[in-house]
Amino acid sequence: MKIRSAYTAYPTLDDQSLTAWCAESAKSLGLIELSCKIKVYWNPRMRTTAGRAWWPDRKIELNPKLKEYNPDEVWRTLKHELAHLVAYERNGRRRIDPHGIEWQTACEDLGIPGERPYHNLPFKRRKLKRKHAYVCSNCATEIKRVRPIKRPVACYDCCRKFNNGAYHDRFRLVQEKRSN
């Protein structure tokens, strides 16, 4: 299934044109509900992220700073985010890895095989001190966070490996005691 070139069909980068291209692409992949509900817009509040996909809302946000770069970067980012929605739409309510095999397959279907999970654009990043440390009591993996965890959370890797992805208390993250 061939996705129509975005450059010739939609030369402008306005919300409506980008939404129309995504809807057409989703429709050509047989994802009718996605094609009817998808919305793309530029989010002026975005600073460091190139784009973001929201499922089940079926929305894609793009960073306006992308317009300062080559149009190829805009289309690559749009396809990257659309691939997230395609992957989630195909898998329904089943939990999938954001950049896992389902997403990689969607990238291939959208004409960006071998897509990287993260961009390397020179957007300025804020450095936040991660002062809350948690440890998995099973595998001793340390996870550092900016904000404290307020509800029971377990080690994702251990839950996947030993409990078919379901939460279990024995893999619960424990706050590490800091010595000052």
N, C-alpha and C. Protein backbone atom coordinates (compact mmCIF):
# COMPACT_ATOMS: atom_id res chain seq x y z
N MET A 1 0.84 -1.16 0.00
CA MET A 1 0.00 0.00 0.00
C MET A 1 0.89 1.24 0.00
N LYS A 2 0.75 2.10 -0.99
CA LYS A 2 1.63 3.26 -1.17
C LYS A 2 0.94 4.51 -0.64
N ILE A 3 1.65 5.22 0.21
CA ILE A 3 1.15 6.49 0.74
C ILE A 3 1.55 7.59 -0.24
N ARG A 4 0.59 8.44 -0.59
CA ARG A 4 0.83 9.52 -1.54
C ARG A 4 1.83 10.52 -0.98
N SER A 5 2.68 11.03 -1.83
CA SER A 5 3.69 12.00 -1.41
C SER A 5 3.03 13.24 -0.84
N ALA A 6 3.49 13.64 0.31
CA ALA A 6 2.93 14.80 0.99
C ALA A 6 3.35 16.10 0.31
N TYR A 7 4.52 16.11 -0.29
CA TYR A 7 5.07 17.34 -0.85
C TYR A 7 4.24 17.87 -2.01
N THR A 8 3.83 17.00 -2.90
CA THR A 8 3.09 17.45 -4.08
C THR A 8 1.62 17.66 -3.78
N ALA A 9 1.04 16.81 -2.94
CA ALA A 9 -0.39 16.89 -2.66
C ALA A 9 -0.73 18.07 -1.75
N TYR A 10 0.11 18.35 -0.77
CA TYR A 10 -0.17 19.39 0.22
C TYR A 10 1.06 20.26 0.42
N PRO A 11 1.26 21.25 -0.45
CA PRO A 11 2.47 22.06 -0.37
C PRO A 11 2.51 23.00 0.84
N THR A 12 1.37 23.32 1.44
CA THR A 12 1.38 24.22 2.59
C THR A 12 1.42 23.42 3.89
N LEU A 13 1.85 24.10 4.95
CA LEU A 13 2.01 23.42 6.23
C LEU A 13 0.99 23.92 7.26
N ASP A 14 -0.21 24.27 6.81
CA ASP A 14 -1.23 24.72 7.75
C ASP A 14 -1.95 23.51 8.35
N ASP A 15 -2.66 23.75 9.44
CA ASP A 15 -3.34 22.67 10.17
C ASP A 15 -4.25 21.84 9.27
N GLN A 16 -5.04 22.52 8.44
CA GLN A 16 -6.01 21.82 7.61
C GLN A 16 -5.33 20.90 6.59
N SER A 17 -4.26 21.39 5.96
CA SER A 17 -3.55 20.58 4.97
C SER A 17 -2.90 19.36 5.61
N LEU A 18 -2.28 19.57 6.77
CA LEU A 18 -1.63 18.46 7.47
C LEU A 18 -2.67 17.44 7.94
N THR A 19 -3.80 17.94 8.45
CA THR A 19 -4.88 17.04 8.88
C THR A 19 -5.42 16.26 7.69
N ALA A 20 -5.62 16.93 6.56
CA ALA A 20 -6.13 16.26 5.36
C ALA A 20 -5.18 15.17 4.89
N TRP A 21 -3.88 15.45 4.90
CA TRP A 21 -2.91 14.44 4.48
C TRP A 21 -2.93 13.23 5.42
N CYS A 22 -3.00 13.49 6.73
CA CYS A 22 -3.05 12.39 7.70
C CYS A 22 -4.32 11.56 7.53
N ALA A 23 -5.44 12.24 7.31
CA ALA A 23 -6.71 11.53 7.12
C ALA A 23 -6.66 10.65 5.88
N GLU A 24 -6.10 11.19 4.81
CA GLU A 24 -5.97 10.42 3.56
C GLU A 24 -5.04 9.22 3.76
N SER A 25 -3.95 9.43 4.47
CA SER A 25 -3.00 8.34 4.73
C SER A 25 -3.63 7.25 5.59
N ALA A 26 -4.36 7.65 6.63
CA ALA A 26 -5.03 6.68 7.50
C ALA A 26 -6.07 5.89 6.72
N LYS A 27 -6.80 6.59 5.86
CA LYS A 27 -7.82 5.93 5.05
C LYS A 27 -7.19 4.91 4.11
N SER A 28 -6.05 5.25 3.52
CA SER A 28 -5.39 4.32 2.59
C SER A 28 -4.83 3.10 3.32
N LEU A 29 -4.66 3.21 4.65
CA LEU A 29 -4.21 2.07 5.46
C LEU A 29 -5.40 1.29 6.03
N GLY A 30 -6.61 1.70 5.66
CA GLY A 30 -7.81 1.00 6.11
C GLY A 30 -8.27 1.39 7.50
N LEU A 31 -7.80 2.52 8.00
CA LEU A 31 -8.16 2.97 9.35
C LEU A 31 -9.18 4.11 9.24
N ILE A 32 -10.40 3.73 8.97
CA ILE A 32 -11.46 4.70 8.67
C ILE A 32 -11.77 5.60 9.87
N GLU A 33 -11.89 5.01 11.06
CA GLU A 33 -12.22 5.83 12.24
C GLU A 33 -11.13 6.86 12.51
N LEU A 34 -9.87 6.45 12.38
CA LEU A 34 -8.76 7.38 12.56
C LEU A 34 -8.84 8.49 11.52
N SER A 35 -9.13 8.12 10.27
CA SER A 35 -9.17 9.13 9.20
C SER A 35 -10.27 10.16 9.43
N CYS A 36 -11.35 9.75 10.08
CA CYS A 36 -12.46 10.68 10.34
C CYS A 36 -12.21 11.61 11.53
N LYS A 37 -11.43 11.14 12.50
CA LYS A 37 -11.29 11.89 13.75
C LYS A 37 -9.96 12.60 13.93
N ILE A 38 -8.98 12.33 13.09
CA ILE A 38 -7.63 12.88 13.31
C ILE A 38 -7.62 14.41 13.14
N LYS A 39 -6.85 15.05 14.00
CA LYS A 39 -6.64 16.50 13.95
C LYS A 39 -5.16 16.77 14.15
N VAL A 40 -4.62 17.69 13.35
CA VAL A 40 -3.22 18.10 13.47
C VAL A 40 -3.21 19.60 13.71
N TYR A 41 -2.39 20.03 14.66
CA TYR A 41 -2.26 21.47 14.89
C TYR A 41 -0.89 21.81 15.44
N TRP A 42 -0.52 23.06 15.25
CA TRP A 42 0.75 23.59 15.76
C TRP A 42 0.52 24.07 17.18
N ASN A 43 1.35 23.64 18.11
CA ASN A 43 1.19 24.01 19.51
C ASN A 43 2.32 24.97 19.90
N PRO A 44 2.03 26.25 20.06
CA PRO A 44 3.08 27.23 20.38
C PRO A 44 3.71 27.04 21.76
N ARG A 45 3.10 26.21 22.60
CA ARG A 45 3.66 25.97 23.94
C ARG A 45 4.78 24.94 23.92
N MET A 46 4.92 24.20 22.84
CA MET A 46 5.96 23.17 22.77
C MET A 46 7.33 23.83 22.66
N ARG A 47 8.29 23.33 23.42
CA ARG A 47 9.63 23.91 23.43
C ARG A 47 10.70 22.93 22.97
N THR A 48 10.71 21.74 23.54
CA THR A 48 11.81 20.80 23.27
C THR A 48 11.38 19.59 22.46
N THR A 49 10.09 19.31 22.41
CA THR A 49 9.58 18.15 21.69
C THR A 49 9.21 18.57 20.27
N ALA A 50 9.58 17.76 19.29
CA ALA A 50 9.25 18.07 17.90
C ALA A 50 7.76 17.86 17.64
N GLY A 51 7.21 16.81 18.21
CA GLY A 51 5.80 16.51 18.02
C GLY A 51 5.29 15.58 19.10
N ARG A 52 3.96 15.46 19.15
CA ARG A 52 3.36 14.59 20.16
C ARG A 52 2.05 14.06 19.61
N ALA A 53 1.79 12.77 19.82
CA ALA A 53 0.55 12.15 19.38
C ALA A 53 -0.28 11.77 20.60
N TRP A 54 -1.58 12.05 20.52
CA TRP A 54 -2.50 11.74 21.61
C TRP A 54 -3.52 10.72 21.13
N TRP A 55 -3.50 9.54 21.73
CA TRP A 55 -4.50 8.52 21.45
C TRP A 55 -5.18 8.20 22.76
N PRO A 56 -6.45 8.06 22.87
CA PRO A 56 -7.45 7.88 21.82
C PRO A 56 -8.05 9.18 21.28
N ASP A 57 -7.52 10.34 21.68
CA ASP A 57 -8.05 11.61 21.15
C ASP A 57 -7.79 11.77 19.66
N ARG A 58 -6.79 11.04 19.16
CA ARG A 58 -6.40 11.06 17.74
C ARG A 58 -5.97 12.47 17.31
N LYS A 59 -5.12 13.07 18.12
CA LYS A 59 -4.60 14.41 17.83
C LYS A 59 -3.09 14.36 17.73
N ILE A 60 -2.56 15.19 16.85
CA ILE A 60 -1.11 15.35 16.71
C ILE A 60 -0.79 16.82 16.91
N GLU A 61 0.17 17.07 17.80
CA GLU A 61 0.67 18.43 18.03
C GLU A 61 2.06 18.53 17.44
N LEU A 62 2.35 19.63 16.78
CA LEU A 62 3.67 19.87 16.21
C LEU A 62 4.26 21.15 16.79
N ASN A 63 5.57 21.14 16.96
CA ASN A 63 6.29 22.30 17.47
C ASN A 63 6.46 23.31 16.33
N PRO A 64 6.01 24.56 16.50
CA PRO A 64 6.15 25.57 15.44
C PRO A 64 7.59 25.83 15.03
N LYS A 65 8.56 25.53 15.91
CA LYS A 65 9.97 25.72 15.56
C LYS A 65 10.39 24.83 14.40
N LEU A 66 9.62 23.77 14.14
CA LEU A 66 9.93 22.89 13.01
C LEU A 66 9.90 23.65 11.68
N LYS A 67 9.09 24.70 11.61
CA LYS A 67 8.96 25.48 10.37
C LYS A 67 10.26 26.18 10.01
N GLU A 68 11.16 26.35 10.99
CA GLU A 68 12.45 27.00 10.73
C GLU A 68 13.42 26.07 10.02
N TYR A 69 13.10 24.79 9.97
CA TYR A 69 13.98 23.80 9.36
C TYR A 69 13.43 23.40 8.00
N ASN A 70 14.13 22.51 7.36
CA ASN A 70 13.73 21.98 6.07
C ASN A 70 12.32 21.38 6.17
N PRO A 71 11.45 21.61 5.17
CA PRO A 71 10.11 21.01 5.21
C PRO A 71 10.13 19.49 5.37
N ASP A 72 11.22 18.86 4.93
CA ASP A 72 11.34 17.40 5.12
C ASP A 72 11.24 17.04 6.59
N GLU A 73 11.76 17.90 7.45
CA GLU A 73 11.75 17.63 8.90
C GLU A 73 10.32 17.67 9.43
N VAL A 74 9.52 18.60 8.92
CA VAL A 74 8.11 18.69 9.32
C VAL A 74 7.38 17.41 8.93
N TRP A 75 7.56 16.99 7.67
CA TRP A 75 6.85 15.80 7.19
C TRP A 75 7.34 14.54 7.88
N ARG A 76 8.64 14.46 8.17
CA ARG A 76 9.16 13.28 8.88
C ARG A 76 8.55 13.22 10.27
N THR A 77 8.51 14.36 10.96
CA THR A 77 7.93 14.40 12.30
C THR A 77 6.44 14.08 12.27
N LEU A 78 5.73 14.62 11.29
CA LEU A 78 4.30 14.33 11.16
C LEU A 78 4.08 12.83 10.94
N LYS A 79 4.86 12.23 10.06
CA LYS A 79 4.72 10.79 9.81
C LYS A 79 5.08 9.98 11.06
N HIS A 80 6.10 10.43 11.78
CA HIS A 80 6.52 9.76 13.02
C HIS A 80 5.35 9.75 14.02
N GLU A 81 4.70 10.89 14.19
CA GLU A 81 3.59 10.98 15.14
C GLU A 81 2.37 10.23 14.64
N LEU A 82 2.11 10.30 13.34
CA LEU A 82 1.00 9.55 12.77
C LEU A 82 1.22 8.05 12.95
N ALA A 83 2.47 7.61 12.87
CA ALA A 83 2.78 6.19 13.08
C ALA A 83 2.36 5.74 14.47
N HIS A 84 2.50 6.62 15.47
CA HIS A 84 2.04 6.28 16.82
C HIS A 84 0.53 6.03 16.82
N LEU A 85 -0.22 6.92 16.19
CA LEU A 85 -1.68 6.77 16.15
C LEU A 85 -2.08 5.53 15.37
N VAL A 86 -1.39 5.26 14.26
CA VAL A 86 -1.68 4.07 13.46
C VAL A 86 -1.43 2.82 14.29
N ALA A 87 -0.31 2.77 15.00
CA ALA A 87 0.02 1.60 15.82
C ALA A 87 -1.03 1.39 16.91
N TYR A 88 -1.42 2.45 17.60
CA TYR A 88 -2.42 2.32 18.65
C TYR A 88 -3.78 1.93 18.08
N GLU A 89 -4.14 2.53 16.96
CA GLU A 89 -5.43 2.24 16.33
C GLU A 89 -5.51 0.77 15.91
N ARG A 90 -4.43 0.24 15.37
CA ARG A 90 -4.40 -1.16 14.94
C ARG A 90 -4.46 -2.13 16.11
N ASN A 91 -3.97 -1.71 17.27
CA ASN A 91 -3.88 -2.61 18.42
C ASN A 91 -4.96 -2.36 19.46
N GLY A 92 -5.84 -1.43 19.21
CA GLY A 92 -6.95 -1.20 20.13
C GLY A 92 -6.49 -0.83 21.52
N ARG A 93 -7.09 -1.47 22.50
CA ARG A 93 -6.80 -1.13 23.89
C ARG A 93 -5.59 -1.88 24.44
N ARG A 94 -4.99 -2.75 23.63
CA ARG A 94 -3.82 -3.50 24.08
C ARG A 94 -2.64 -2.55 24.26
N ARG A 95 -1.93 -2.71 25.36
CA ARG A 95 -0.79 -1.84 25.66
C ARG A 95 0.39 -2.21 24.76
N ILE A 96 0.98 -1.21 24.11
CA ILE A 96 2.13 -1.44 23.24
C ILE A 96 3.25 -0.48 23.62
N ASP A 97 4.48 -0.84 23.26
CA ASP A 97 5.62 0.05 23.48
C ASP A 97 5.51 1.22 22.51
N PRO A 98 5.74 2.45 22.99
CA PRO A 98 5.61 3.62 22.11
C PRO A 98 6.46 3.54 20.84
N HIS A 99 7.66 2.96 20.92
CA HIS A 99 8.51 2.83 19.75
C HIS A 99 8.83 1.37 19.46
N GLY A 100 7.88 0.50 19.78
CA GLY A 100 8.06 -0.94 19.60
C GLY A 100 7.80 -1.40 18.17
N ILE A 101 7.65 -2.70 18.02
CA ILE A 101 7.51 -3.32 16.69
C ILE A 101 6.25 -2.82 15.97
N GLU A 102 5.17 -2.56 16.70
CA GLU A 102 3.94 -2.07 16.07
C GLU A 102 4.16 -0.68 15.46
N TRP A 103 4.89 0.16 16.19
CA TRP A 103 5.20 1.50 15.70
C TRP A 103 6.15 1.42 14.50
N GLN A 104 7.14 0.55 14.59
CA GLN A 104 8.10 0.39 13.49
C GLN A 104 7.40 -0.07 12.21
N THR A 105 6.44 -0.98 12.36
CA THR A 105 5.65 -1.45 11.21
C THR A 105 4.85 -0.29 10.62
N ALA A 106 4.24 0.52 11.47
CA ALA A 106 3.48 1.67 11.00
C ALA A 106 4.39 2.67 10.28
N CYS A 107 5.61 2.85 10.79
CA CYS A 107 6.57 3.74 10.12
C CYS A 107 6.87 3.25 8.71
N GLU A 108 7.08 1.95 8.57
CA GLU A 108 7.33 1.37 7.24
C GLU A 108 6.15 1.63 6.33
N ASP A 109 4.93 1.43 6.84
CA ASP A 109 3.73 1.65 6.03
C ASP A 109 3.57 3.11 5.61
N LEU A 110 4.13 4.03 6.39
CA LEU A 110 4.02 5.46 6.08
C LEU A 110 5.22 5.99 5.30
N GLY A 111 6.14 5.09 4.94
CA GLY A 111 7.26 5.48 4.10
C GLY A 111 8.48 5.99 4.84
N ILE A 112 8.60 5.68 6.13
CA ILE A 112 9.80 6.07 6.89
C ILE A 112 10.39 4.86 7.61
N PRO A 113 10.82 3.85 6.84
CA PRO A 113 11.41 2.67 7.48
C PRO A 113 12.70 3.05 8.20
N GLY A 114 12.96 2.40 9.33
CA GLY A 114 14.17 2.68 10.09
C GLY A 114 14.14 4.00 10.85
N GLU A 115 12.96 4.56 11.04
CA GLU A 115 12.81 5.83 11.76
C GLU A 115 13.36 5.72 13.17
N ARG A 116 14.06 6.76 13.61
CA ARG A 116 14.61 6.80 14.97
C ARG A 116 13.51 7.21 15.96
N PRO A 117 13.59 6.72 17.18
CA PRO A 117 12.57 7.09 18.17
C PRO A 117 12.61 8.57 18.57
N TYR A 118 13.78 9.20 18.51
CA TYR A 118 13.90 10.58 18.99
C TYR A 118 14.58 11.46 17.94
N HIS A 119 14.23 12.73 17.94
CA HIS A 119 14.83 13.68 17.00
C HIS A 119 16.18 14.16 17.52
N ASN A 120 16.96 14.74 16.62
CA ASN A 120 18.24 15.33 17.04
C ASN A 120 18.29 16.80 16.65
N LEU A 121 17.15 17.46 16.69
CA LEU A 121 17.07 18.88 16.39
C LEU A 121 17.62 19.67 17.58
N PRO A 122 18.22 20.82 17.32
CA PRO A 122 18.85 21.58 18.41
C PRO A 122 17.86 22.42 19.22
N PHE A 123 16.81 21.79 19.72
CA PHE A 123 15.87 22.49 20.60
C PHE A 123 16.49 22.53 21.99
N LYS A 124 16.43 23.70 22.64
CA LYS A 124 17.00 23.84 23.98
C LYS A 124 16.21 23.03 24.99
N ARG A 125 16.92 22.29 25.80
CA ARG A 125 16.29 21.47 26.84
C ARG A 125 16.54 22.08 28.21
N ARG A 126 15.55 21.97 29.04
CA ARG A 126 15.72 22.39 30.43
C ARG A 126 16.35 21.24 31.20
N LYS A 127 17.27 21.57 32.06
CA LYS A 127 17.89 20.56 32.93
C LYS A 127 17.15 20.57 34.26
N LEU A 128 16.50 19.47 34.57
CA LEU A 128 15.79 19.35 35.83
C LEU A 128 16.52 18.36 36.72
N LYS A 129 16.66 18.72 37.97
CA LYS A 129 17.34 17.83 38.91
C LYS A 129 16.38 16.72 39.32
N ARG A 130 16.81 15.50 39.11
CA ARG A 130 16.01 14.33 39.49
C ARG A 130 16.42 13.92 40.90
N LYS A 131 15.67 14.43 41.86
CA LYS A 131 16.08 14.23 43.24
C LYS A 131 15.33 13.10 43.95
N HIS A 132 14.42 12.44 43.28
CA HIS A 132 13.69 11.31 43.86
C HIS A 132 14.15 10.03 43.18
N ALA A 133 14.74 9.14 43.97
CA ALA A 133 15.26 7.88 43.42
C ALA A 133 14.44 6.70 43.96
N TYR A 134 14.14 5.77 43.06
CA TYR A 134 13.38 4.57 43.41
C TYR A 134 14.14 3.35 42.89
N VAL A 135 14.00 2.23 43.61
CA VAL A 135 14.71 1.01 43.25
C VAL A 135 13.72 -0.14 43.19
N CYS A 136 13.89 -1.00 42.18
CA CYS A 136 13.09 -2.22 42.08
C CYS A 136 13.68 -3.23 43.06
N SER A 137 12.85 -3.78 43.91
CA SER A 137 13.34 -4.74 44.90
C SER A 137 13.72 -6.07 44.27
N ASN A 138 13.31 -6.30 43.03
CA ASN A 138 13.63 -7.56 42.36
C ASN A 138 14.93 -7.49 41.57
N CYS A 139 15.05 -6.49 40.69
CA CYS A 139 16.22 -6.43 39.79
C CYS A 139 17.21 -5.32 40.16
N ALA A 140 16.88 -4.52 41.16
CA ALA A 140 17.74 -3.43 41.65
C ALA A 140 17.94 -2.30 40.64
N THR A 141 17.07 -2.20 39.66
CA THR A 141 17.13 -1.08 38.72
C THR A 141 16.76 0.20 39.45
N GLU A 142 17.56 1.25 39.23
CA GLU A 142 17.29 2.53 39.87
C GLU A 142 16.60 3.45 38.87
N ILE A 143 15.56 4.11 39.33
CA ILE A 143 14.81 5.05 38.51
C ILE A 143 14.79 6.38 39.25
N LYS A 144 15.27 7.42 38.56
CA LYS A 144 15.29 8.75 39.16
C LYS A 144 14.19 9.59 38.53
N ARG A 145 13.53 10.38 39.38
CA ARG A 145 12.42 11.20 38.92
C ARG A 145 12.51 12.62 39.48
N VAL A 146 11.92 13.56 38.76
CA VAL A 146 11.85 14.94 39.22
C VAL A 146 10.79 15.04 40.32
N ARG A 147 9.66 14.42 40.10
CA ARG A 147 8.56 14.46 41.06
C ARG A 147 8.45 13.14 41.81
N PRO A 148 7.97 13.18 43.04
CA PRO A 148 7.81 11.93 43.78
C PRO A 148 6.64 11.11 43.22
N ILE A 149 6.73 9.81 43.36
CA ILE A 149 5.64 8.92 42.95
C ILE A 149 4.64 8.87 44.09
N LYS A 150 3.36 9.08 43.76
CA LYS A 150 2.34 9.17 44.81
C LYS A 150 1.48 7.91 44.95
N ARG A 151 1.56 7.01 43.99
CA ARG A 151 0.76 5.79 44.07
C ARG A 151 1.66 4.59 43.82
N PRO A 152 1.20 3.40 44.13
CA PRO A 152 2.06 2.22 43.92
C PRO A 152 2.43 2.05 42.44
N VAL A 153 3.73 1.93 42.19
CA VAL A 153 4.25 1.73 40.83
C VAL A 153 5.26 0.60 40.89
N ALA A 154 5.22 -0.25 39.86
CA ALA A 154 6.13 -1.39 39.82
C ALA A 154 7.11 -1.26 38.67
N CYS A 155 8.18 -2.03 38.73
CA CYS A 155 9.20 -2.07 37.68
C CYS A 155 8.58 -2.65 36.41
N TYR A 156 8.57 -1.87 35.35
CA TYR A 156 7.95 -2.27 34.09
C TYR A 156 8.61 -3.53 33.52
N ASP A 157 9.94 -3.56 33.51
CA ASP A 157 10.66 -4.71 32.95
C ASP A 157 10.36 -5.99 33.71
N CYS A 158 10.36 -5.93 35.03
CA CYS A 158 10.08 -7.13 35.83
C CYS A 158 8.64 -7.60 35.65
N CYS A 159 7.70 -6.67 35.62
CA CYS A 159 6.30 -7.04 35.41
C CYS A 159 6.11 -7.72 34.05
N ARG A 160 6.78 -7.20 33.03
CA ARG A 160 6.68 -7.82 31.70
C ARG A 160 7.33 -9.19 31.69
N LYS A 161 8.49 -9.30 32.30
CA LYS A 161 9.26 -10.54 32.25
C LYS A 161 8.64 -11.65 33.09
N PHE A 162 8.17 -11.31 34.28
CA PHE A 162 7.73 -12.34 35.22
C PHE A 162 6.23 -12.41 35.47
N ASN A 163 5.46 -11.43 34.98
CA ASN A 163 4.03 -11.41 35.31
C ASN A 163 3.17 -11.02 34.11
N ASN A 164 3.61 -11.33 32.91
CA ASN A 164 2.86 -11.05 31.67
C ASN A 164 2.43 -9.59 31.55
N GLY A 165 3.24 -8.68 32.07
CA GLY A 165 2.96 -7.25 31.93
C GLY A 165 2.01 -6.68 32.97
N ALA A 166 1.48 -7.52 33.84
CA ALA A 166 0.53 -7.04 34.85
C ALA A 166 1.28 -6.58 36.11
N TYR A 167 0.70 -5.61 36.78
CA TYR A 167 1.29 -5.10 38.02
C TYR A 167 1.32 -6.20 39.08
N HIS A 168 2.41 -6.24 39.85
CA HIS A 168 2.47 -7.11 41.03
C HIS A 168 3.28 -6.40 42.11
N ASP A 169 2.81 -6.52 43.34
CA ASP A 169 3.43 -5.84 44.48
C ASP A 169 4.90 -6.22 44.69
N ARG A 170 5.28 -7.43 44.32
CA ARG A 170 6.67 -7.84 44.58
C ARG A 170 7.67 -7.08 43.71
N PHE A 171 7.19 -6.38 42.66
CA PHE A 171 8.06 -5.59 41.80
C PHE A 171 7.90 -4.09 42.06
N ARG A 172 7.23 -3.78 43.16
CA ARG A 172 6.95 -2.38 43.49
C ARG A 172 8.25 -1.60 43.71
N LEU A 173 8.28 -0.38 43.20
CA LEU A 173 9.45 0.49 43.38
C LEU A 173 9.45 1.05 44.80
N VAL A 174 10.64 1.03 45.40
CA VAL A 174 10.81 1.50 46.77
C VAL A 174 11.68 2.75 46.74
N GLN A 175 11.25 3.78 47.47
CA GLN A 175 12.04 5.02 47.48
C GLN A 175 13.37 4.78 48.18
N GLU A 176 14.42 5.23 47.51
CA GLU A 176 15.78 5.08 48.04
C GLU A 176 16.02 6.15 49.09
N LYS A 177 16.59 5.75 50.19
CA LYS A 177 16.91 6.71 51.24
C LYS A 177 18.16 7.47 50.86
N ARG A 178 18.08 8.79 50.92
CA ARG A 178 19.21 9.65 50.58
C ARG A 178 20.00 9.98 51.83
N SER A 179 21.32 9.80 51.77
CA SER A 179 22.15 10.20 52.91
C SER A 179 22.76 11.57 52.59
N ASN A 180 22.54 12.53 53.45
CA ASN A 180 23.03 13.90 53.20
C ASN A 180 24.38 14.12 53.80
